[in-house]
């Protein structure tokens, strides 16, 4: 069984490996987009509310995919968002 895919938009580039580790611990494969938004809507998108631009936010919302906005940009916030999504499904 392959991991589900999630895109993280915003956050800190130096934290990519830690974000990825937090997502993998929750059973997700993470791709990090610090300065640009993903080009497709084939995945869940986590948007770091405090560390993304308005244009990034608008680009993500225009994709028409599921978007989860988090207020913090920590790996644990990413993990909690994924775990909360799992619990809601």
PDB file of N, CA and C in Angstrom:
ATOM      1  N   UNK A   1       0.858  -1.184   0.000  1.00  0.00           N
ATOM      2  CA  UNK A   1       0.000   0.000   0.000  1.00  0.00           C
ATOM      3  C   UNK A   1       0.895   1.235   0.000  1.00  0.00           C
ATOM      4  N   UNK A   2       0.703   2.136  -0.944  1.00  0.00           N
ATOM      5  CA  UNK A   2       1.527   3.338  -1.001  1.00  0.00           C
ATOM      6  C   UNK A   2       0.946   4.414  -0.091  1.00  0.00           C
ATOM      7  N   UNK A   3       1.814   5.287   0.339  1.00  0.00           N
ATOM      8  CA  UNK A   3       1.399   6.382   1.211  1.00  0.00           C
ATOM      9  C   UNK A   3       0.545   7.366   0.429  1.00  0.00           C
ATOM     10  N   UNK A   4      -0.334   8.020   1.126  1.00  0.00           N
ATOM     11  CA  UNK A   4      -1.102   9.087   0.504  1.00  0.00           C
ATOM     12  C   UNK A   4      -0.208  10.289   0.321  1.00  0.00           C
ATOM     13  N   UNK A   5      -0.544  11.131  -0.644  1.00  0.00           N
ATOM     14  CA  UNK A   5       0.297  12.288  -0.956  1.00  0.00           C
ATOM     15  C   UNK A   5      -0.299  13.559  -0.379  1.00  0.00           C
ATOM     16  N   UNK A   6       0.592  14.397   0.152  1.00  0.00           N
ATOM     17  CA  UNK A   6       0.193  15.698   0.675  1.00  0.00           C
ATOM     18  C   UNK A   6       1.234  16.717   0.229  1.00  0.00           C
ATOM     19  N   UNK A   7       0.775  17.906  -0.092  1.00  0.00           N
ATOM     20  CA  UNK A   7       1.678  19.010  -0.430  1.00  0.00           C
ATOM     21  C   UNK A   7       1.611  20.023   0.706  1.00  0.00           C
ATOM     22  N   UNK A   8       2.758  20.485   1.133  1.00  0.00           N
ATOM     23  CA  UNK A   8       2.847  21.536   2.138  1.00  0.00           C
ATOM     24  C   UNK A   8       3.286  22.804   1.422  1.00  0.00           C
ATOM     25  N   UNK A   9       2.499  23.855   1.541  1.00  0.00           N
ATOM     26  CA  UNK A   9       2.815  25.129   0.892  1.00  0.00           C
ATOM     27  C   UNK A   9       3.117  26.150   1.981  1.00  0.00           C
ATOM     28  N   UNK A  10       4.279  26.778   1.870  1.00  0.00           N
ATOM     29  CA  UNK A  10       4.736  27.735   2.878  1.00  0.00           C
ATOM     30  C   UNK A  10       5.721  27.044   3.799  1.00  0.00           C
ATOM     31  N   UNK A  11       5.874  27.575   4.980  1.00  0.00           N
ATOM     32  CA  UNK A  11       6.810  26.984   5.930  1.00  0.00           C
ATOM     33  C   UNK A  11       8.241  27.418   5.655  1.00  0.00           C
ATOM     34  N   UNK A  12       9.175  26.748   6.312  1.00  0.00           N
ATOM     35  CA  UNK A  12      10.595  27.059   6.179  1.00  0.00           C
ATOM     36  C   UNK A  12      11.288  25.993   5.348  1.00  0.00           C
ATOM     37  N   UNK A  13      12.072  26.413   4.364  1.00  0.00           N
ATOM     38  CA  UNK A  13      12.801  25.472   3.515  1.00  0.00           C
ATOM     39  C   UNK A  13      13.777  24.605   4.281  1.00  0.00           C
ATOM     40  N   UNK A  14      14.383  25.134   5.317  1.00  0.00           N
ATOM     41  CA  UNK A  14      15.323  24.368   6.112  1.00  0.00           C
ATOM     42  C   UNK A  14      14.669  23.278   6.950  1.00  0.00           C
ATOM     43  N   UNK A  15      13.351  23.278   6.996  1.00  0.00           N
ATOM     44  CA  UNK A  15      12.610  22.299   7.794  1.00  0.00           C
ATOM     45  C   UNK A  15      12.019  21.179   6.941  1.00  0.00           C
ATOM     46  N   UNK A  16      12.311  21.162   5.652  1.00  0.00           N
ATOM     47  CA  UNK A  16      11.681  20.197   4.750  1.00  0.00           C
ATOM     48  C   UNK A  16      11.821  18.762   5.243  1.00  0.00           C
ATOM     49  N   UNK A  17      13.019  18.363   5.631  1.00  0.00           N
ATOM     50  CA  UNK A  17      13.227  16.978   6.078  1.00  0.00           C
ATOM     51  C   UNK A  17      12.398  16.677   7.328  1.00  0.00           C
ATOM     52  N   UNK A  18      12.273  17.629   8.210  1.00  0.00           N
ATOM     53  CA  UNK A  18      11.475  17.420   9.431  1.00  0.00           C
ATOM     54  C   UNK A  18       9.983  17.374   9.113  1.00  0.00           C
ATOM     55  N   UNK A  19       9.524  18.234   8.205  1.00  0.00           N
ATOM     56  CA  UNK A  19       8.116  18.159   7.777  1.00  0.00           C
ATOM     57  C   UNK A  19       7.835  16.793   7.153  1.00  0.00           C
ATOM     58  N   UNK A  20       8.748  16.351   6.303  1.00  0.00           N
ATOM     59  CA  UNK A  20       8.584  15.066   5.620  1.00  0.00           C
ATOM     60  C   UNK A  20       8.546  13.916   6.635  1.00  0.00           C
ATOM     61  N   UNK A  21       9.428  13.966   7.622  1.00  0.00           N
ATOM     62  CA  UNK A  21       9.439  12.928   8.654  1.00  0.00           C
ATOM     63  C   UNK A  21       8.141  12.886   9.445  1.00  0.00           C
ATOM     64  N   UNK A  22       7.600  14.048   9.769  1.00  0.00           N
ATOM     65  CA  UNK A  22       6.333  14.108  10.508  1.00  0.00           C
ATOM     66  C   UNK A  22       5.191  13.538   9.679  1.00  0.00           C
ATOM     67  N   UNK A  23       5.178  13.849   8.386  1.00  0.00           N
ATOM     68  CA  UNK A  23       4.128  13.320   7.507  1.00  0.00           C
ATOM     69  C   UNK A  23       4.270  11.812   7.344  1.00  0.00           C
ATOM     70  N   UNK A  24       5.497  11.350   7.146  1.00  0.00           N
ATOM     71  CA  UNK A  24       5.727   9.914   6.978  1.00  0.00           C
ATOM     72  C   UNK A  24       5.323   9.138   8.225  1.00  0.00           C
ATOM     73  N   UNK A  25       5.543   9.715   9.398  1.00  0.00           N
ATOM     74  CA  UNK A  25       5.137   9.064  10.645  1.00  0.00           C
ATOM     75  C   UNK A  25       3.620   8.889  10.711  1.00  0.00           C
ATOM     76  N   UNK A  26       2.895   9.763  10.025  1.00  0.00           N
ATOM     77  CA  UNK A  26       1.431   9.672   9.978  1.00  0.00           C
ATOM     78  C   UNK A  26       0.939   8.901   8.747  1.00  0.00           C
ATOM     79  N   UNK A  27       1.878   8.330   7.955  1.00  0.00           N
ATOM     80  CA  UNK A  27       1.493   7.527   6.801  1.00  0.00           C
ATOM     81  C   UNK A  27       1.290   8.305   5.512  1.00  0.00           C
ATOM     82  N   UNK A  28       1.909   9.473   5.404  1.00  0.00           N
ATOM     83  CA  UNK A  28       1.748  10.330   4.230  1.00  0.00           C
ATOM     84  C   UNK A  28       3.094  10.570   3.560  1.00  0.00           C
ATOM     85  N   UNK A  29       3.068  10.784   2.269  1.00  0.00           N
ATOM     86  CA  UNK A  29       4.239  11.188   1.490  1.00  0.00           C
ATOM     87  C   UNK A  29       4.115  12.684   1.236  1.00  0.00           C
ATOM     88  N   UNK A  30       5.076  13.477   1.721  1.00  0.00           N
ATOM     89  CA  UNK A  30       4.981  14.932   1.659  1.00  0.00           C
ATOM     90  C   UNK A  30       5.913  15.512   0.615  1.00  0.00           C
ATOM     91  N   UNK A  31       5.385  16.485  -0.100  1.00  0.00           N
ATOM     92  CA  UNK A  31       6.173  17.309  -1.013  1.00  0.00           C
ATOM     93  C   UNK A  31       6.057  18.743  -0.500  1.00  0.00           C
ATOM     94  N   UNK A  32       7.176  19.446  -0.350  1.00  0.00           N
ATOM     95  CA  UNK A  32       7.180  20.792   0.233  1.00  0.00           C
ATOM     96  C   UNK A  32       7.394  21.838  -0.857  1.00  0.00           C
ATOM     97  N   UNK A  33       6.521  22.830  -0.872  1.00  0.00           N
ATOM     98  CA  UNK A  33       6.606  23.948  -1.806  1.00  0.00           C
ATOM     99  C   UNK A  33       6.733  25.220  -0.979  1.00  0.00           C
ATOM    100  N   UNK A  34       7.960  25.671  -0.787  1.00  0.00           N
ATOM    101  CA  UNK A  34       8.173  26.847   0.055  1.00  0.00           C
ATOM    102  C   UNK A  34       7.775  28.128  -0.669  1.00  0.00           C
ATOM    103  N   UNK A  35       8.109  28.266  -1.928  1.00  0.00           N
ATOM    104  CA  UNK A  35       7.894  29.527  -2.639  1.00  0.00           C
ATOM    105  C   UNK A  35       6.899  29.445  -3.791  1.00  0.00           C
ATOM    106  N   UNK A  36       6.412  28.271  -4.100  1.00  0.00           N
ATOM    107  CA  UNK A  36       5.445  28.135  -5.190  1.00  0.00           C
ATOM    108  C   UNK A  36       4.380  27.144  -4.774  1.00  0.00           C
ATOM    109  N   UNK A  37       3.287  27.159  -5.476  1.00  0.00           N
ATOM    110  CA  UNK A  37       2.206  26.229  -5.193  1.00  0.00           C
ATOM    111  C   UNK A  37       2.298  25.051  -6.162  1.00  0.00           C
ATOM    112  N   UNK A  38       1.756  23.893  -5.780  1.00  0.00           N
ATOM    113  CA  UNK A  38       1.768  22.760  -6.706  1.00  0.00           C
ATOM    114  C   UNK A  38       0.931  23.069  -7.931  1.00  0.00           C
ATOM    115  N   UNK A  39       1.214  22.381  -9.010  1.00  0.00           N
ATOM    116  CA  UNK A  39       0.512  22.637 -10.273  1.00  0.00           C
ATOM    117  C   UNK A  39      -0.717  21.758 -10.473  1.00  0.00           C
ATOM    118  N   UNK A  40      -0.908  20.751  -9.627  1.00  0.00           N
ATOM    119  CA  UNK A  40      -2.060  19.870  -9.815  1.00  0.00           C
ATOM    120  C   UNK A  40      -2.856  19.738  -8.522  1.00  0.00           C
ATOM    121  N   UNK A  41      -4.028  19.204  -8.647  1.00  0.00           N
ATOM    122  CA  UNK A  41      -4.919  19.065  -7.495  1.00  0.00           C
ATOM    123  C   UNK A  41      -5.082  17.600  -7.108  1.00  0.00           C
ATOM    124  N   UNK A  42      -4.056  16.800  -7.343  1.00  0.00           N
ATOM    125  CA  UNK A  42      -4.181  15.365  -7.109  1.00  0.00           C
ATOM    126  C   UNK A  42      -3.845  14.964  -5.686  1.00  0.00           C
ATOM    127  N   UNK A  43      -3.810  15.918  -4.778  1.00  0.00           N
ATOM    128  CA  UNK A  43      -3.430  15.601  -3.405  1.00  0.00           C
ATOM    129  C   UNK A  43      -4.058  16.581  -2.425  1.00  0.00           C
ATOM    130  N   UNK A  44      -3.983  16.233  -1.183  1.00  0.00           N
ATOM    131  CA  UNK A  44      -4.336  17.138  -0.102  1.00  0.00           C
ATOM    132  C   UNK A  44      -3.262  18.209  -0.021  1.00  0.00           C
ATOM    133  N   UNK A  45      -3.636  19.433   0.306  1.00  0.00           N
ATOM    134  CA  UNK A  45      -2.671  20.521   0.461  1.00  0.00           C
ATOM    135  C   UNK A  45      -2.806  21.101   1.861  1.00  0.00           C
ATOM    136  N   UNK A  46      -1.667  21.201   2.552  1.00  0.00           N
ATOM    137  CA  UNK A  46      -1.616  21.891   3.835  1.00  0.00           C
ATOM    138  C   UNK A  46      -0.983  23.250   3.569  1.00  0.00           C
ATOM    139  N   UNK A  47      -1.655  24.281   3.992  1.00  0.00           N
ATOM    140  CA  UNK A  47      -1.201  25.648   3.764  1.00  0.00           C
ATOM    141  C   UNK A  47      -0.775  26.245   5.101  1.00  0.00           C
ATOM    142  N   UNK A  48       0.488  26.641   5.212  1.00  0.00           N
ATOM    143  CA  UNK A  48       0.983  27.294   6.434  1.00  0.00           C
ATOM    144  C   UNK A  48       0.489  28.731   6.424  1.00  0.00           C
ATOM    145  N   UNK A  49      -0.563  29.000   7.165  1.00  0.00           N
ATOM    146  CA  UNK A  49      -1.211  30.298   7.135  1.00  0.00           C
ATOM    147  C   UNK A  49      -0.296  31.483   7.384  1.00  0.00           C
ATOM    148  N   UNK A  50       0.650  31.360   8.283  1.00  0.00           N
ATOM    149  CA  UNK A  50       1.511  32.483   8.600  1.00  0.00           C
ATOM    150  C   UNK A  50       2.747  32.604   7.728  1.00  0.00           C
ATOM    151  N   UNK A  51       3.072  31.572   6.979  1.00  0.00           N
ATOM    152  CA  UNK A  51       4.295  31.586   6.174  1.00  0.00           C
ATOM    153  C   UNK A  51       4.023  31.230   4.719  1.00  0.00           C
ATOM    154  N   UNK A  52       3.047  31.882   4.148  1.00  0.00           N
ATOM    155  CA  UNK A  52       2.813  31.771   2.709  1.00  0.00           C
ATOM    156  C   UNK A  52       2.269  33.117   2.246  1.00  0.00           C
ATOM    157  N   UNK A  53       2.464  33.395   0.992  1.00  0.00           N
ATOM    158  CA  UNK A  53       2.003  34.680   0.463  1.00  0.00           C
ATOM    159  C   UNK A  53       0.522  34.598   0.086  1.00  0.00           C
ATOM    160  N   UNK A  54      -0.067  35.740  -0.124  1.00  0.00           N
ATOM    161  CA  UNK A  54      -1.461  35.780  -0.572  1.00  0.00           C
ATOM    162  C   UNK A  54      -1.598  35.134  -1.945  1.00  0.00           C
ATOM    163  N   UNK A  55      -0.615  35.337  -2.796  1.00  0.00           N
ATOM    164  CA  UNK A  55      -0.691  34.719  -4.126  1.00  0.00           C
ATOM    165  C   UNK A  55      -0.592  33.205  -4.029  1.00  0.00           C
ATOM    166  N   UNK A  56       0.256  32.681  -3.125  1.00  0.00           N
ATOM    167  CA  UNK A  56       0.314  31.229  -2.927  1.00  0.00           C
ATOM    168  C   UNK A  56      -1.033  30.710  -2.444  1.00  0.00           C
ATOM    169  N   UNK A  57      -1.609  31.395  -1.486  1.00  0.00           N
ATOM    170  CA  UNK A  57      -2.920  30.993  -0.961  1.00  0.00           C
ATOM    171  C   UNK A  57      -3.956  30.954  -2.067  1.00  0.00           C
ATOM    172  N   UNK A  58      -3.984  31.989  -2.895  1.00  0.00           N
ATOM    173  CA  UNK A  58      -4.958  32.050  -3.979  1.00  0.00           C
ATOM    174  C   UNK A  58      -4.716  30.955  -5.019  1.00  0.00           C
ATOM    175  N   UNK A  59      -3.452  30.670  -5.330  1.00  0.00           N
ATOM    176  CA  UNK A  59      -3.123  29.607  -6.284  1.00  0.00           C
ATOM    177  C   UNK A  59      -3.600  28.251  -5.770  1.00  0.00           C
ATOM    178  N   UNK A  60      -3.387  28.000  -4.487  1.00  0.00           N
ATOM    179  CA  UNK A  60      -3.807  26.726  -3.900  1.00  0.00           C
ATOM    180  C   UNK A  60      -5.317  26.606  -3.923  1.00  0.00           C
ATOM    181  N   UNK A  61      -6.001  27.641  -3.533  1.00  0.00           N
ATOM    182  CA  UNK A  61      -7.474  27.594  -3.527  1.00  0.00           C
ATOM    183  C   UNK A  61      -8.038  27.420  -4.933  1.00  0.00           C
ATOM    184  N   UNK A  62      -7.344  27.943  -5.941  1.00  0.00           N
ATOM    185  CA  UNK A  62      -7.806  27.811  -7.326  1.00  0.00           C
ATOM    186  C   UNK A  62      -7.661  26.382  -7.848  1.00  0.00           C
ATOM    187  N   UNK A  63      -6.853  25.558  -7.189  1.00  0.00           N
ATOM    188  CA  UNK A  63      -6.668  24.178  -7.628  1.00  0.00           C
ATOM    189  C   UNK A  63      -7.927  23.337  -7.457  1.00  0.00           C
ATOM    190  N   UNK A  64      -8.774  23.714  -6.519  1.00  0.00           N
ATOM    191  CA  UNK A  64      -9.997  22.969  -6.284  1.00  0.00           C
ATOM    192  C   UNK A  64      -9.786  21.687  -5.498  1.00  0.00           C
ATOM    193  N   UNK A  65      -8.662  21.564  -4.817  1.00  0.00           N
ATOM    194  CA  UNK A  65      -8.384  20.360  -4.029  1.00  0.00           C
ATOM    195  C   UNK A  65      -8.709  20.628  -2.565  1.00  0.00           C
ATOM    196  N   UNK A  66      -8.604  19.597  -1.761  1.00  0.00           N
ATOM    197  CA  UNK A  66      -8.822  19.746  -0.327  1.00  0.00           C
ATOM    198  C   UNK A  66      -7.660  20.525   0.279  1.00  0.00           C
ATOM    199  N   UNK A  67      -7.979  21.578   1.029  1.00  0.00           N
ATOM    200  CA  UNK A  67      -6.958  22.431   1.635  1.00  0.00           C
ATOM    201  C   UNK A  67      -7.172  22.464   3.146  1.00  0.00           C
ATOM    202  N   UNK A  68      -6.102  22.237   3.883  1.00  0.00           N
ATOM    203  CA  UNK A  68      -6.114  22.354   5.340  1.00  0.00           C
ATOM    204  C   UNK A  68      -5.165  23.493   5.691  1.00  0.00           C
ATOM    205  N   UNK A  69      -5.650  24.486   6.412  1.00  0.00           N
ATOM    206  CA  UNK A  69      -4.824  25.629   6.806  1.00  0.00           C
ATOM    207  C   UNK A  69      -4.380  25.416   8.250  1.00  0.00           C
ATOM    208  N   UNK A  70      -3.070  25.552   8.468  1.00  0.00           N
ATOM    209  CA  UNK A  70      -2.543  25.450   9.827  1.00  0.00           C
ATOM    210  C   UNK A  70      -1.937  26.797  10.205  1.00  0.00           C
ATOM    211  N   UNK A  71      -2.070  27.160  11.452  1.00  0.00           N
ATOM    212  CA  UNK A  71      -1.570  28.447  11.919  1.00  0.00           C
ATOM    213  C   UNK A  71      -0.092  28.427  12.272  1.00  0.00           C
ATOM    214  N   UNK A  72       0.417  27.262  12.613  1.00  0.00           N
ATOM    215  CA  UNK A  72       1.829  27.137  12.954  1.00  0.00           C
ATOM    216  C   UNK A  72       2.555  26.479  11.793  1.00  0.00           C
ATOM    217  N   UNK A  73       3.868  26.602  11.789  1.00  0.00           N
ATOM    218  CA  UNK A  73       4.640  26.013  10.692  1.00  0.00           C
ATOM    219  C   UNK A  73       5.624  24.969  11.206  1.00  0.00           C
ATOM    220  N   UNK A  74       5.252  24.271  12.261  1.00  0.00           N
ATOM    221  CA  UNK A  74       6.122  23.265  12.862  1.00  0.00           C
ATOM    222  C   UNK A  74       5.801  21.877  12.315  1.00  0.00           C
ATOM    223  N   UNK A  75       6.762  20.968  12.371  1.00  0.00           N
ATOM    224  CA  UNK A  75       6.490  19.590  11.954  1.00  0.00           C
ATOM    225  C   UNK A  75       5.346  18.963  12.763  1.00  0.00           C
ATOM    226  N   UNK A  76       5.271  19.267  14.045  1.00  0.00           N
ATOM    227  CA  UNK A  76       4.192  18.690  14.846  1.00  0.00           C
ATOM    228  C   UNK A  76       2.825  19.220  14.420  1.00  0.00           C
ATOM    229  N   UNK A  77       2.756  20.459  13.951  1.00  0.00           N
ATOM    230  CA  UNK A  77       1.487  21.000  13.448  1.00  0.00           C
ATOM    231  C   UNK A  77       1.069  20.265  12.175  1.00  0.00           C
ATOM    232  N   UNK A  78       2.033  19.936  11.344  1.00  0.00           N
ATOM    233  CA  UNK A  78       1.749  19.157  10.126  1.00  0.00           C
ATOM    234  C   UNK A  78       1.219  17.780  10.518  1.00  0.00           C
ATOM    235  N   UNK A  79       1.896  17.122  11.448  1.00  0.00           N
ATOM    236  CA  UNK A  79       1.479  15.789  11.901  1.00  0.00           C
ATOM    237  C   UNK A  79       0.071  15.839  12.502  1.00  0.00           C
ATOM    238  N   UNK A  80      -0.187  16.828  13.365  1.00  0.00           N
ATOM    239  CA  UNK A  80      -1.514  16.946  13.987  1.00  0.00           C
ATOM    240  C   UNK A  80      -2.607  17.164  12.941  1.00  0.00           C
ATOM    241  N   UNK A  81      -2.323  17.985  11.921  1.00  0.00           N
ATOM    242  CA  UNK A  81      -3.318  18.231  10.869  1.00  0.00           C
ATOM    243  C   UNK A  81      -3.645  16.941  10.125  1.00  0.00           C
ATOM    244  N   UNK A  82      -2.633  16.139   9.836  1.00  0.00           N
ATOM    245  CA  UNK A  82      -2.862  14.870   9.142  1.00  0.00           C
ATOM    246  C   UNK A  82      -3.597  13.877  10.026  1.00  0.00           C
ATOM    247  N   UNK A  83      -3.246  13.824  11.294  1.00  0.00           N
ATOM    248  CA  UNK A  83      -3.932  12.933  12.218  1.00  0.00           C
ATOM    249  C   UNK A  83      -5.384  13.351  12.417  1.00  0.00           C
ATOM    250  N   UNK A  84      -5.653  14.649  12.500  1.00  0.00           N
ATOM    251  CA  UNK A  84      -7.022  15.143  12.639  1.00  0.00           C
ATOM    252  C   UNK A  84      -7.848  14.809  11.406  1.00  0.00           C
ATOM    253  N   UNK A  85      -7.230  14.905  10.241  1.00  0.00           N
ATOM    254  CA  UNK A  85      -7.932  14.557   9.004  1.00  0.00           C
ATOM    255  C   UNK A  85      -8.299  13.081   9.005  1.00  0.00           C
ATOM    256  N   UNK A  86      -7.372  12.235   9.451  1.00  0.00           N
ATOM    257  CA  UNK A  86      -7.629  10.798   9.535  1.00  0.00           C
ATOM    258  C   UNK A  86      -8.792  10.514  10.481  1.00  0.00           C
ATOM    259  N   UNK A  87      -8.793  11.186  11.620  1.00  0.00           N
ATOM    260  CA  UNK A  87      -9.831  10.957  12.616  1.00  0.00           C
ATOM    261  C   UNK A  87     -11.201  11.395  12.105  1.00  0.00           C
ATOM    262  N   UNK A  88     -11.229  12.407  11.260  1.00  0.00           N
ATOM    263  CA  UNK A  88     -12.493  12.930  10.734  1.00  0.00           C
ATOM    264  C   UNK A  88     -13.068  12.052   9.625  1.00  0.00           C
ATOM    265  N   UNK A  89     -12.232  11.263   8.984  1.00  0.00           N
ATOM    266  CA  UNK A  89     -12.687  10.419   7.859  1.00  0.00           C
ATOM    267  C   UNK A  89     -13.309   9.139   8.317  1.00  0.00           C
TER     268      UNK A  89
END
